[in-house]
């Protein structure tokens, strides 16, 4: 996991997938359920790359467009805060270079990140899973917690049996 600025991590719940991101959308901390939920991704240390560049995104996100807009909105929000501006801009510049889709969205609509939304994924071992996702910002960090809806709530404990690999 990437932690450019040493800051104390926000507390993570144990039983719901949860991640802490910095202003550039790099993973500062993640619990085991978040890591195993996102196993299909080659690199789980950078949310922007996961959504815009990783081939797994095409089949993993049930509504990839929603996730793309979410990344753009998070970077726009972070670019308006003095102590996260530089990290957000660096990530946006990198994504603009490597993703025409990001470039188009970045130069288009001005969207705001939703603090409550739906996160829907297709896990290769568990199938389609839907979560209520909440986002909390604190001291330049973003905590995202995904609370499973049924039937995902019944399947989520199976993540504990999947082998985790380093990000």
Protein backbone atom coordinates (compact mmCIF):
# COMPACT_ATOMS: atom_id res chain seq x y z
CA UNK A 1 0.00 0.00 0.00
CA UNK A 2 1.12 3.50 -0.79
CA UNK A 3 1.45 6.00 2.03
CA UNK A 4 3.24 9.13 0.79
CA UNK A 5 2.43 11.10 3.93
CA UNK A 6 2.69 9.30 7.24
CA UNK A 7 -0.67 9.98 8.89
CA UNK A 8 -2.50 7.88 11.41
CA UNK A 9 -4.99 5.70 9.57
CA UNK A 10 -8.70 5.92 10.24
CA UNK A 11 -10.18 2.93 12.09
CA UNK A 12 -11.52 0.25 9.77
CA UNK A 13 -14.47 -2.03 10.54
CA UNK A 14 -13.59 -5.71 10.49
CA UNK A 15 -16.63 -7.24 8.79
CA UNK A 16 -17.39 -4.75 6.00
CA UNK A 17 -15.00 -4.03 3.12
CA UNK A 18 -13.28 -0.75 4.00
CA UNK A 19 -10.42 1.32 2.59
CA UNK A 20 -8.64 4.56 3.46
CA UNK A 21 -7.44 6.66 0.51
CA UNK A 22 -5.21 9.70 0.35
CA UNK A 23 -5.91 12.77 -1.79
CA UNK A 24 -4.41 11.08 -4.86
CA UNK A 25 -6.64 8.01 -4.35
CA UNK A 26 -3.76 5.80 -3.24
CA UNK A 27 -4.64 3.15 -0.68
CA UNK A 28 -3.27 4.11 2.72
CA UNK A 29 -4.97 1.24 4.55
CA UNK A 30 -7.49 -1.48 3.72
CA UNK A 31 -9.00 -4.30 5.69
CA UNK A 32 -8.81 -7.93 4.58
CA UNK A 33 -12.36 -8.01 3.21
CA UNK A 34 -11.68 -5.01 0.95
CA UNK A 35 -8.46 -6.60 -0.30
CA UNK A 36 -10.05 -9.99 -1.01
CA UNK A 37 -13.13 -8.40 -2.59
CA UNK A 38 -10.79 -6.66 -5.05
CA UNK A 39 -8.53 -9.68 -5.76
CA UNK A 40 -9.17 -9.54 -9.53
CA UNK A 41 -7.08 -6.35 -9.78
CA UNK A 42 -3.36 -6.63 -10.51
CA UNK A 43 -2.58 -3.59 -8.34
CA UNK A 44 -4.90 -2.68 -5.48
CA UNK A 45 -2.83 0.28 -4.28
CA UNK A 46 -4.29 2.94 -6.60
CA UNK A 47 -8.04 3.40 -7.07
CA UNK A 48 -7.66 5.58 -10.18
CA UNK A 49 -5.65 2.93 -12.01
CA UNK A 50 -8.01 0.19 -10.85
CA UNK A 51 -11.02 1.95 -12.34
CA UNK A 52 -9.52 3.43 -15.51
CA UNK A 53 -6.62 1.19 -16.54
CA UNK A 54 -6.87 -2.30 -15.09
CA UNK A 55 -8.46 -4.83 -17.49
CA UNK A 56 -10.34 -6.39 -14.54
CA UNK A 57 -12.49 -3.24 -14.23
CA UNK A 58 -14.51 -4.10 -17.34
CA UNK A 59 -16.03 -7.21 -15.74
CA UNK A 60 -15.70 -6.32 -12.04
CA UNK A 61 -17.73 -3.11 -11.82
CA UNK A 62 -21.39 -3.64 -12.67
CA UNK A 63 -21.68 0.09 -13.31
CA UNK A 64 -18.18 1.12 -14.35
CA UNK A 65 -19.40 4.52 -15.51
CA UNK A 66 -20.57 5.24 -11.96
CA UNK A 67 -17.12 4.31 -10.61
CA UNK A 68 -15.38 6.44 -13.25
CA UNK A 69 -17.47 9.46 -12.29
CA UNK A 70 -16.76 8.72 -8.64
CA UNK A 71 -12.98 8.80 -9.22
CA UNK A 72 -13.22 12.07 -11.15
CA UNK A 73 -15.42 13.59 -8.44
CA UNK A 74 -13.07 12.47 -5.66
CA UNK A 75 -10.08 14.02 -7.45
CA UNK A 76 -11.98 17.24 -8.14
CA UNK A 77 -12.94 17.47 -4.47
CA UNK A 78 -9.36 16.75 -3.34
CA UNK A 79 -7.97 19.33 -5.77
CA UNK A 80 -9.95 22.04 -3.94
CA UNK A 81 -8.30 21.31 -0.58
CA UNK A 82 -4.89 22.84 0.01
CA UNK A 83 -3.16 19.84 1.60
CA UNK A 84 -4.52 17.30 -0.96
CA UNK A 85 -4.36 19.48 -4.08
CA UNK A 86 -0.90 18.39 -5.21
CA UNK A 87 -1.59 14.64 -4.84
CA UNK A 88 -4.94 14.94 -6.62
CA UNK A 89 -3.42 16.89 -9.51
CA UNK A 90 -0.55 14.40 -9.89
CA UNK A 91 -3.03 11.51 -10.09
CA UNK A 92 -5.24 13.40 -12.54
CA UNK A 93 -2.23 14.19 -14.76
CA UNK A 94 -1.14 10.54 -14.73
CA UNK A 95 -4.64 9.26 -15.54
CA UNK A 96 -5.08 11.84 -18.31
CA UNK A 97 -1.90 10.52 -19.94
CA UNK A 98 -2.99 6.89 -19.86
CA UNK A 99 -6.78 6.97 -20.20
CA UNK A 100 -8.70 8.78 -22.94
CA UNK A 101 -11.87 8.08 -20.98
CA UNK A 102 -10.49 9.85 -17.91
CA UNK A 103 -9.29 12.75 -20.08
CA UNK A 104 -12.81 13.18 -21.49
CA UNK A 105 -14.47 13.04 -18.08
CA UNK A 106 -11.89 15.32 -16.44
CA UNK A 107 -12.42 18.00 -19.07
CA UNK A 108 -16.20 17.64 -19.04
CA UNK A 109 -18.83 17.74 -16.34
CA UNK A 110 -18.02 19.02 -12.89
CA UNK A 111 -19.28 16.27 -10.63
CA UNK A 112 -19.26 15.96 -6.85
CA UNK A 113 -18.50 12.78 -4.97
CA UNK A 114 -21.50 11.16 -3.34
CA UNK A 115 -21.01 10.44 0.32
CA UNK A 116 -23.70 7.73 0.17
CA UNK A 117 -24.06 5.60 -2.93
CA UNK A 118 -24.36 2.07 -4.28
CA UNK A 119 -21.33 -0.05 -5.03
CA UNK A 120 -22.09 -3.02 -7.27
CA UNK A 121 -19.45 -5.53 -8.32
CA UNK A 122 -19.11 -8.94 -9.96
CA UNK A 123 -16.66 -11.00 -7.94
CA UNK A 124 -15.26 -13.97 -9.90
CA UNK A 125 -15.89 -16.40 -7.02
CA UNK A 126 -18.98 -14.94 -5.34
CA UNK A 127 -20.93 -13.43 -8.22
CA UNK A 128 -22.81 -10.14 -8.18
CA UNK A 129 -22.60 -8.24 -4.90
CA UNK A 130 -24.29 -4.95 -4.02
CA UNK A 131 -23.29 -2.65 -1.17
CA UNK A 132 -24.39 0.61 0.38
CA UNK A 133 -21.15 2.59 0.33
CA UNK A 134 -20.49 5.53 2.62
CA UNK A 135 -17.61 7.93 2.29
CA UNK A 136 -16.19 10.00 5.13
CA UNK A 137 -13.42 12.58 4.68
CA UNK A 138 -11.10 13.49 7.52
CA UNK A 139 -7.76 15.32 7.59
CA UNK A 140 -6.97 14.74 3.90
CA UNK A 141 -7.95 11.07 4.04
CA UNK A 142 -11.08 9.37 2.75
CA UNK A 143 -12.64 6.37 4.48
CA UNK A 144 -14.95 4.22 2.35
CA UNK A 145 -17.02 1.47 3.93
CA UNK A 146 -19.21 -0.90 1.92
CA UNK A 147 -22.15 -2.38 3.84
CA UNK A 148 -23.50 -5.43 2.02
CA UNK A 149 -27.10 -5.73 0.97
CA UNK A 150 -28.79 -9.12 0.74
CA UNK A 151 -27.72 -11.56 -0.68
CA UNK A 152 -24.21 -10.07 -0.53
CA UNK A 153 -24.46 -9.99 3.28
CA UNK A 154 -24.81 -13.79 3.24
CA UNK A 155 -21.91 -14.28 0.81
CA UNK A 156 -19.45 -11.77 2.27
CA UNK A 157 -18.09 -14.13 4.98
CA UNK A 158 -16.84 -16.37 2.16
CA UNK A 159 -14.24 -13.68 1.40
CA UNK A 160 -12.50 -14.75 4.60
CA UNK A 161 -11.75 -18.12 2.99
CA UNK A 162 -10.11 -16.68 -0.12
CA UNK A 163 -6.34 -16.38 -0.11
CA UNK A 164 -5.28 -12.77 0.17
CA UNK A 165 -2.18 -11.69 -1.71
CA UNK A 166 -0.12 -8.57 -1.10
CA UNK A 167 -1.39 -5.49 -3.01
